[in-house]
């Protein structure tokens, strides 16, 4: 018995039985009970926590950039003064 194959993505072919199984899985996932979904207050807390973490990450990124710039400047200054001492 040959199965009917429909064109898929790329080199893959989709068998209608597979499509039906995927559709059933998608419907089951979307129809999860309300308890499984995040409550609005949890979503707000999560959003607030994400904003705090992003703010902290930006602050630390700026501090790291400043430290790197100071390190480069100190190396340049020490190189300049070593050259001046040789003369």
PDB file of N, CA and C in Angstrom:
ATOM      1  N   UNK A   1       0.835  -1.186   0.000  1.00  0.00           N
ATOM      2  CA  UNK A   1       0.000   0.000   0.000  1.00  0.00           C
ATOM      3  C   UNK A   1       0.877   1.244   0.000  1.00  0.00           C
ATOM      4  N   UNK A   2       0.614   2.148  -0.893  1.00  0.00           N
ATOM      5  CA  UNK A   2       1.368   3.394  -0.995  1.00  0.00           C
ATOM      6  C   UNK A   2       0.650   4.506  -0.262  1.00  0.00           C
ATOM      7  N   UNK A   3       1.429   5.313   0.452  1.00  0.00           N
ATOM      8  CA  UNK A   3       0.835   6.450   1.157  1.00  0.00           C
ATOM      9  C   UNK A   3       0.901   7.673   0.262  1.00  0.00           C
ATOM     10  N   UNK A   4      -0.135   8.457   0.365  1.00  0.00           N
ATOM     11  CA  UNK A   4      -0.154   9.691  -0.397  1.00  0.00           C
ATOM     12  C   UNK A   4       0.762  10.695   0.297  1.00  0.00           C
ATOM     13  N   UNK A   5       1.637  11.322  -0.486  1.00  0.00           N
ATOM     14  CA  UNK A   5       2.610  12.262   0.057  1.00  0.00           C
ATOM     15  C   UNK A   5       2.327  13.634  -0.515  1.00  0.00           C
ATOM     16  N   UNK A   6       2.290  14.621   0.375  1.00  0.00           N
ATOM     17  CA  UNK A   6       2.101  16.006  -0.082  1.00  0.00           C
ATOM     18  C   UNK A   6       3.430  16.723  -0.010  1.00  0.00           C
ATOM     19  N   UNK A   7       3.651  17.707  -0.865  1.00  0.00           N
ATOM     20  CA  UNK A   7       4.925  18.425  -0.852  1.00  0.00           C
ATOM     21  C   UNK A   7       5.164  19.063   0.509  1.00  0.00           C
ATOM     22  N   UNK A   8       6.401  19.008   0.951  1.00  0.00           N
ATOM     23  CA  UNK A   8       6.750  19.582   2.242  1.00  0.00           C
ATOM     24  C   UNK A   8       7.770  20.683   2.074  1.00  0.00           C
ATOM     25  N   UNK A   9       8.502  20.954   3.126  1.00  0.00           N
ATOM     26  CA  UNK A   9       9.516  21.991   3.113  1.00  0.00           C
ATOM     27  C   UNK A   9      10.846  21.360   2.730  1.00  0.00           C
ATOM     28  N   UNK A  10      11.511  21.956   1.769  1.00  0.00           N
ATOM     29  CA  UNK A  10      12.813  21.439   1.353  1.00  0.00           C
ATOM     30  C   UNK A  10      12.691  20.054   0.751  1.00  0.00           C
ATOM     31  N   UNK A  11      13.528  19.135   1.198  1.00  0.00           N
ATOM     32  CA  UNK A  11      13.529  17.768   0.690  1.00  0.00           C
ATOM     33  C   UNK A  11      12.543  16.874   1.426  1.00  0.00           C
ATOM     34  N   UNK A  12      11.924  17.362   2.457  1.00  0.00           N
ATOM     35  CA  UNK A  12      11.030  16.554   3.261  1.00  0.00           C
ATOM     36  C   UNK A  12       9.645  16.509   2.643  1.00  0.00           C
ATOM     37  N   UNK A  13       8.986  15.397   2.832  1.00  0.00           N
ATOM     38  CA  UNK A  13       7.618  15.250   2.375  1.00  0.00           C
ATOM     39  C   UNK A  13       6.731  15.053   3.596  1.00  0.00           C
ATOM     40  N   UNK A  14       5.510  15.524   3.515  1.00  0.00           N
ATOM     41  CA  UNK A  14       4.572  15.403   4.629  1.00  0.00           C
ATOM     42  C   UNK A  14       3.532  14.344   4.300  1.00  0.00           C
ATOM     43  N   UNK A  15       3.376  13.413   5.195  1.00  0.00           N
ATOM     44  CA  UNK A  15       2.351  12.395   5.049  1.00  0.00           C
ATOM     45  C   UNK A  15       1.114  12.911   5.768  1.00  0.00           C
ATOM     46  N   UNK A  16      -0.050  12.793   5.156  1.00  0.00           N
ATOM     47  CA  UNK A  16      -1.265  13.330   5.785  1.00  0.00           C
ATOM     48  C   UNK A  16      -1.469  12.844   7.222  1.00  0.00           C
ATOM     49  N   UNK A  17      -1.084  11.623   7.525  1.00  0.00           N
ATOM     50  CA  UNK A  17      -1.213  11.106   8.884  1.00  0.00           C
ATOM     51  C   UNK A  17      -0.368  11.945   9.849  1.00  0.00           C
ATOM     52  N   UNK A  18       0.853  12.322   9.397  1.00  0.00           N
ATOM     53  CA  UNK A  18       1.725  13.164  10.226  1.00  0.00           C
ATOM     54  C   UNK A  18       1.113  14.543  10.417  1.00  0.00           C
ATOM     55  N   UNK A  19       0.553  15.092   9.346  1.00  0.00           N
ATOM     56  CA  UNK A  19      -0.072  16.408   9.445  1.00  0.00           C
ATOM     57  C   UNK A  19      -1.214  16.402  10.451  1.00  0.00           C
ATOM     58  N   UNK A  20      -2.011  15.351  10.427  1.00  0.00           N
ATOM     59  CA  UNK A  20      -3.119  15.251  11.369  1.00  0.00           C
ATOM     60  C   UNK A  20      -2.610  15.143  12.803  1.00  0.00           C
ATOM     61  N   UNK A  21      -1.551  14.383  13.002  1.00  0.00           N
ATOM     62  CA  UNK A  21      -0.973  14.241  14.343  1.00  0.00           C
ATOM     63  C   UNK A  21      -0.437  15.584  14.831  1.00  0.00           C
ATOM     64  N   UNK A  22       0.258  16.317  13.963  1.00  0.00           N
ATOM     65  CA  UNK A  22       0.790  17.627  14.338  1.00  0.00           C
ATOM     66  C   UNK A  22      -0.341  18.600  14.653  1.00  0.00           C
ATOM     67  N   UNK A  23      -1.398  18.537  13.855  1.00  0.00           N
ATOM     68  CA  UNK A  23      -2.539  19.414  14.097  1.00  0.00           C
ATOM     69  C   UNK A  23      -3.165  19.095  15.455  1.00  0.00           C
ATOM     70  N   UNK A  24      -3.326  17.813  15.766  1.00  0.00           N
ATOM     71  CA  UNK A  24      -3.890  17.420  17.055  1.00  0.00           C
ATOM     72  C   UNK A  24      -3.022  17.900  18.207  1.00  0.00           C
ATOM     73  N   UNK A  25      -1.701  17.790  18.049  1.00  0.00           N
ATOM     74  CA  UNK A  25      -0.781  18.246  19.093  1.00  0.00           C
ATOM     75  C   UNK A  25      -0.865  19.759  19.281  1.00  0.00           C
ATOM     76  N   UNK A  26      -0.961  20.490  18.170  1.00  0.00           N
ATOM     77  CA  UNK A  26      -1.049  21.950  18.261  1.00  0.00           C
ATOM     78  C   UNK A  26      -2.345  22.376  18.943  1.00  0.00           C
ATOM     79  N   UNK A  27      -3.438  21.736  18.596  1.00  0.00           N
ATOM     80  CA  UNK A  27      -4.723  22.066  19.209  1.00  0.00           C
ATOM     81  C   UNK A  27      -4.691  21.739  20.695  1.00  0.00           C
ATOM     82  N   UNK A  28      -4.099  20.610  21.056  1.00  0.00           N
ATOM     83  CA  UNK A  28      -4.011  20.238  22.467  1.00  0.00           C
ATOM     84  C   UNK A  28      -3.160  21.235  23.247  1.00  0.00           C
ATOM     85  N   UNK A  29      -2.081  21.708  22.637  1.00  0.00           N
ATOM     86  CA  UNK A  29      -1.210  22.665  23.317  1.00  0.00           C
ATOM     87  C   UNK A  29      -1.909  24.007  23.504  1.00  0.00           C
ATOM     88  N   UNK A  30      -2.684  24.411  22.517  1.00  0.00           N
ATOM     89  CA  UNK A  30      -3.386  25.694  22.613  1.00  0.00           C
ATOM     90  C   UNK A  30      -4.584  25.619  23.542  1.00  0.00           C
ATOM     91  N   UNK A  31      -5.096  24.448  23.770  1.00  0.00           N
ATOM     92  CA  UNK A  31      -6.281  24.288  24.590  1.00  0.00           C
ATOM     93  C   UNK A  31      -5.923  23.910  26.025  1.00  0.00           C
ATOM     94  N   UNK A  32      -4.730  24.311  26.472  1.00  0.00           N
ATOM     95  CA  UNK A  32      -4.333  23.979  27.840  1.00  0.00           C
ATOM     96  C   UNK A  32      -5.236  24.705  28.829  1.00  0.00           C
ATOM     97  N   UNK A  33      -5.429  24.140  29.994  1.00  0.00           N
ATOM     98  CA  UNK A  33      -6.293  24.773  30.984  1.00  0.00           C
ATOM     99  C   UNK A  33      -5.746  26.124  31.424  1.00  0.00           C
ATOM    100  N   UNK A  34      -6.619  26.940  31.934  1.00  0.00           N
ATOM    101  CA  UNK A  34      -6.232  28.294  32.344  1.00  0.00           C
ATOM    102  C   UNK A  34      -5.192  28.265  33.455  1.00  0.00           C
ATOM    103  N   UNK A  35      -5.179  27.207  34.280  1.00  0.00           N
ATOM    104  CA  UNK A  35      -4.196  27.124  35.361  1.00  0.00           C
ATOM    105  C   UNK A  35      -2.776  27.020  34.827  1.00  0.00           C
ATOM    106  N   UNK A  36      -2.632  26.444  33.663  1.00  0.00           N
ATOM    107  CA  UNK A  36      -1.300  26.263  33.085  1.00  0.00           C
ATOM    108  C   UNK A  36      -0.753  27.569  32.511  1.00  0.00           C
ATOM    109  N   UNK A  37      -1.622  28.486  32.220  1.00  0.00           N
ATOM    110  CA  UNK A  37      -1.187  29.770  31.658  1.00  0.00           C
ATOM    111  C   UNK A  37      -0.748  30.707  32.775  1.00  0.00           C
ATOM    112  N   UNK A  38       0.098  31.645  32.437  1.00  0.00           N
ATOM    113  CA  UNK A  38       0.584  32.605  33.423  1.00  0.00           C
ATOM    114  C   UNK A  38      -0.534  33.593  33.765  1.00  0.00           C
ATOM    115  N   UNK A  39      -0.649  33.876  35.046  1.00  0.00           N
ATOM    116  CA  UNK A  39      -1.645  34.853  35.477  1.00  0.00           C
ATOM    117  C   UNK A  39      -1.126  36.247  35.168  1.00  0.00           C
ATOM    118  N   UNK A  40      -2.027  37.211  34.959  1.00  0.00           N
ATOM    119  CA  UNK A  40      -1.579  38.571  34.614  1.00  0.00           C
ATOM    120  C   UNK A  40      -0.611  39.176  35.629  1.00  0.00           C
ATOM    121  N   UNK A  41      -0.848  38.940  36.938  1.00  0.00           N
ATOM    122  CA  UNK A  41       0.068  39.521  37.930  1.00  0.00           C
ATOM    123  C   UNK A  41       1.450  38.876  37.852  1.00  0.00           C
ATOM    124  N   UNK A  42       1.506  37.588  37.520  1.00  0.00           N
ATOM    125  CA  UNK A  42       2.806  36.939  37.332  1.00  0.00           C
ATOM    126  C   UNK A  42       3.508  37.504  36.110  1.00  0.00           C
ATOM    127  N   UNK A  43       2.735  37.752  35.072  1.00  0.00           N
ATOM    128  CA  UNK A  43       3.305  38.318  33.850  1.00  0.00           C
ATOM    129  C   UNK A  43       3.885  39.699  34.131  1.00  0.00           C
ATOM    130  N   UNK A  44       3.164  40.511  34.903  1.00  0.00           N
ATOM    131  CA  UNK A  44       3.664  41.842  35.249  1.00  0.00           C
ATOM    132  C   UNK A  44       4.942  41.745  36.079  1.00  0.00           C
ATOM    133  N   UNK A  45       4.953  40.815  37.042  1.00  0.00           N
ATOM    134  CA  UNK A  45       6.155  40.635  37.871  1.00  0.00           C
ATOM    135  C   UNK A  45       7.329  40.206  37.006  1.00  0.00           C
ATOM    136  N   UNK A  46       7.073  39.277  36.103  1.00  0.00           N
ATOM    137  CA  UNK A  46       8.142  38.811  35.205  1.00  0.00           C
ATOM    138  C   UNK A  46       8.657  39.949  34.336  1.00  0.00           C
ATOM    139  N   UNK A  47       7.738  40.747  33.807  1.00  0.00           N
ATOM    140  CA  UNK A  47       8.136  41.872  32.961  1.00  0.00           C
ATOM    141  C   UNK A  47       8.983  42.873  33.753  1.00  0.00           C
ATOM    142  N   UNK A  48       8.557  43.147  34.990  1.00  0.00           N
ATOM    143  CA  UNK A  48       9.295  44.065  35.856  1.00  0.00           C
ATOM    144  C   UNK A  48      10.688  43.510  36.163  1.00  0.00           C
ATOM    145  N   UNK A  49      10.761  42.220  36.437  1.00  0.00           N
ATOM    146  CA  UNK A  49      12.051  41.580  36.734  1.00  0.00           C
ATOM    147  C   UNK A  49      12.972  41.626  35.520  1.00  0.00           C
ATOM    148  N   UNK A  50      12.418  41.416  34.347  1.00  0.00           N
ATOM    149  CA  UNK A  50      13.209  41.488  33.111  1.00  0.00           C
ATOM    150  C   UNK A  50      13.757  42.896  32.926  1.00  0.00           C
ATOM    151  N   UNK A  51      12.918  43.903  33.184  1.00  0.00           N
ATOM    152  CA  UNK A  51      13.381  45.288  33.052  1.00  0.00           C
ATOM    153  C   UNK A  51      14.505  45.593  34.038  1.00  0.00           C
ATOM    154  N   UNK A  52      14.367  45.093  35.283  1.00  0.00           N
ATOM    155  CA  UNK A  52      15.427  45.300  36.278  1.00  0.00           C
ATOM    156  C   UNK A  52      16.731  44.644  35.826  1.00  0.00           C
ATOM    157  N   UNK A  53      16.637  43.427  35.325  1.00  0.00           N
ATOM    158  CA  UNK A  53      17.833  42.722  34.874  1.00  0.00           C
ATOM    159  C   UNK A  53      18.471  43.419  33.677  1.00  0.00           C
ATOM    160  N   UNK A  54      17.643  43.914  32.759  1.00  0.00           N
ATOM    161  CA  UNK A  54      18.195  44.626  31.598  1.00  0.00           C
ATOM    162  C   UNK A  54      18.870  45.913  32.034  1.00  0.00           C
ATOM    163  N   UNK A  55      18.276  46.616  32.999  1.00  0.00           N
ATOM    164  CA  UNK A  55      18.872  47.853  33.519  1.00  0.00           C
ATOM    165  C   UNK A  55      20.224  47.546  34.169  1.00  0.00           C
ATOM    166  N   UNK A  56      20.267  46.484  34.968  1.00  0.00           N
ATOM    167  CA  UNK A  56      21.516  46.086  35.623  1.00  0.00           C
ATOM    168  C   UNK A  56      22.567  45.679  34.591  1.00  0.00           C
ATOM    169  N   UNK A  57      22.136  44.978  33.545  1.00  0.00           N
ATOM    170  CA  UNK A  57      23.066  44.554  32.504  1.00  0.00           C
ATOM    171  C   UNK A  57      23.645  45.768  31.758  1.00  0.00           C
ATOM    172  N   UNK A  58      22.804  46.765  31.463  1.00  0.00           N
ATOM    173  CA  UNK A  58      23.304  47.980  30.798  1.00  0.00           C
ATOM    174  C   UNK A  58      24.314  48.705  31.681  1.00  0.00           C
ATOM    175  N   UNK A  59      24.015  48.790  32.988  1.00  0.00           N
ATOM    176  CA  UNK A  59      24.911  49.457  33.928  1.00  0.00           C
ATOM    177  C   UNK A  59      26.263  48.743  33.968  1.00  0.00           C
ATOM    178  N   UNK A  60      26.242  47.425  34.065  1.00  0.00           N
ATOM    179  CA  UNK A  60      27.485  46.658  34.120  1.00  0.00           C
ATOM    180  C   UNK A  60      28.246  46.725  32.805  1.00  0.00           C
ATOM    181  N   UNK A  61      27.511  46.784  31.696  1.00  0.00           N
ATOM    182  CA  UNK A  61      28.159  46.891  30.390  1.00  0.00           C
ATOM    183  C   UNK A  61      28.884  48.226  30.273  1.00  0.00           C
ATOM    184  N   UNK A  62      28.237  49.294  30.759  1.00  0.00           N
ATOM    185  CA  UNK A  62      28.890  50.610  30.736  1.00  0.00           C
ATOM    186  C   UNK A  62      30.120  50.626  31.630  1.00  0.00           C
ATOM    187  N   UNK A  63      30.021  50.017  32.806  1.00  0.00           N
ATOM    188  CA  UNK A  63      31.163  49.968  33.723  1.00  0.00           C
ATOM    189  C   UNK A  63      32.316  49.187  33.100  1.00  0.00           C
ATOM    190  N   UNK A  64      32.017  48.097  32.427  1.00  0.00           N
ATOM    191  CA  UNK A  64      33.044  47.297  31.766  1.00  0.00           C
ATOM    192  C   UNK A  64      33.706  48.094  30.641  1.00  0.00           C
ATOM    193  N   UNK A  65      32.905  48.820  29.867  1.00  0.00           N
ATOM    194  CA  UNK A  65      33.461  49.631  28.778  1.00  0.00           C
ATOM    195  C   UNK A  65      34.365  50.726  29.340  1.00  0.00           C
ATOM    196  N   UNK A  66      33.939  51.336  30.440  1.00  0.00           N
ATOM    197  CA  UNK A  66      34.754  52.379  31.053  1.00  0.00           C
ATOM    198  C   UNK A  66      36.072  51.802  31.573  1.00  0.00           C
ATOM    199  N   UNK A  67      36.013  50.644  32.201  1.00  0.00           N
ATOM    200  CA  UNK A  67      37.220  49.998  32.719  1.00  0.00           C
ATOM    201  C   UNK A  67      38.172  49.643  31.581  1.00  0.00           C
ATOM    202  N   UNK A  68      37.627  49.145  30.487  1.00  0.00           N
ATOM    203  CA  UNK A  68      38.463  48.800  29.328  1.00  0.00           C
ATOM    204  C   UNK A  68      39.117  50.054  28.754  1.00  0.00           C
ATOM    205  N   UNK A  69      38.356  51.154  28.667  1.00  0.00           N
ATOM    206  CA  UNK A  69      38.916  52.399  28.142  1.00  0.00           C
ATOM    207  C   UNK A  69      40.024  52.919  29.057  1.00  0.00           C
ATOM    208  N   UNK A  70      39.814  52.854  30.363  1.00  0.00           N
ATOM    209  CA  UNK A  70      40.852  53.305  31.300  1.00  0.00           C
ATOM    210  C   UNK A  70      42.100  52.440  31.198  1.00  0.00           C
ATOM    211  N   UNK A  71      41.933  51.160  31.010  1.00  0.00           N
ATOM    212  CA  UNK A  71      43.076  50.256  30.866  1.00  0.00           C
ATOM    213  C   UNK A  71      43.875  50.591  29.612  1.00  0.00           C
ATOM    214  N   UNK A  72      43.185  50.830  28.521  1.00  0.00           N
ATOM    215  CA  UNK A  72      43.862  51.192  27.267  1.00  0.00           C
ATOM    216  C   UNK A  72      44.602  52.511  27.436  1.00  0.00           C
ATOM    217  N   UNK A  73      43.955  53.490  28.071  1.00  0.00           N
ATOM    218  CA  UNK A  73      44.614  54.784  28.275  1.00  0.00           C
ATOM    219  C   UNK A  73      45.838  54.660  29.177  1.00  0.00           C
ATOM    220  N   UNK A  74      45.728  53.869  30.221  1.00  0.00           N
ATOM    221  CA  UNK A  74      46.884  53.715  31.120  1.00  0.00           C
ATOM    222  C   UNK A  74      48.039  53.034  30.394  1.00  0.00           C
ATOM    223  N   UNK A  75      47.760  52.072  29.535  1.00  0.00           N
ATOM    224  CA  UNK A  75      48.827  51.417  28.761  1.00  0.00           C
ATOM    225  C   UNK A  75      49.466  52.396  27.788  1.00  0.00           C
ATOM    226  N   UNK A  76      48.638  53.230  27.162  1.00  0.00           N
ATOM    227  CA  UNK A  76      49.187  54.225  26.229  1.00  0.00           C
ATOM    228  C   UNK A  76      50.063  55.230  26.970  1.00  0.00           C
ATOM    229  N   UNK A  77      49.598  55.676  28.140  1.00  0.00           N
ATOM    230  CA  UNK A  77      50.381  56.638  28.914  1.00  0.00           C
ATOM    231  C   UNK A  77      51.706  56.031  29.366  1.00  0.00           C
ATOM    232  N   UNK A  78      51.661  54.802  29.829  1.00  0.00           N
ATOM    233  CA  UNK A  78      52.919  54.180  30.271  1.00  0.00           C
ATOM    234  C   UNK A  78      53.856  53.983  29.091  1.00  0.00           C
ATOM    235  N   UNK A  79      53.331  53.685  27.918  1.00  0.00           N
ATOM    236  CA  UNK A  79      54.170  53.530  26.725  1.00  0.00           C
ATOM    237  C   UNK A  79      54.779  54.872  26.335  1.00  0.00           C
ATOM    238  N   UNK A  80      54.010  55.944  26.435  1.00  0.00           N
ATOM    239  CA  UNK A  80      54.515  57.280  26.076  1.00  0.00           C
ATOM    240  C   UNK A  80      55.618  57.697  27.036  1.00  0.00           C
ATOM    241  N   UNK A  81      55.390  57.499  28.337  1.00  0.00           N
ATOM    242  CA  UNK A  81      56.384  57.937  29.304  1.00  0.00           C
ATOM    243  C   UNK A  81      57.634  57.055  29.275  1.00  0.00           C
ATOM    244  N   UNK A  82      57.518  55.785  28.908  1.00  0.00           N
ATOM    245  CA  UNK A  82      58.701  54.953  28.759  1.00  0.00           C
ATOM    246  C   UNK A  82      59.532  55.429  27.595  1.00  0.00           C
ATOM    247  N   UNK A  83      58.885  55.839  26.501  1.00  0.00           N
ATOM    248  CA  UNK A  83      59.603  56.357  25.333  1.00  0.00           C
ATOM    249  C   UNK A  83      60.289  57.663  25.691  1.00  0.00           C
ATOM    250  N   UNK A  84      59.629  58.503  26.471  1.00  0.00           N
ATOM    251  CA  UNK A  84      60.204  59.791  26.877  1.00  0.00           C
ATOM    252  C   UNK A  84      61.385  59.593  27.807  1.00  0.00           C
ATOM    253  N   UNK A  85      61.371  58.549  28.619  1.00  0.00           N
ATOM    254  CA  UNK A  85      62.472  58.291  29.552  1.00  0.00           C
ATOM    255  C   UNK A  85      63.717  57.815  28.819  1.00  0.00           C
ATOM    256  N   UNK A  86      63.536  57.194  27.664  1.00  0.00           N
ATOM    257  CA  UNK A  86      64.668  56.704  26.875  1.00  0.00           C
ATOM    258  C   UNK A  86      65.464  57.839  26.265  1.00  0.00           C
ATOM    259  N   UNK A  87      64.863  58.979  26.054  1.00  0.00           N
ATOM    260  CA  UNK A  87      65.544  60.102  25.367  1.00  0.00           C
ATOM    261  C   UNK A  87      66.485  60.852  26.242  1.00  0.00           C
TER     262      UNK A  87
END
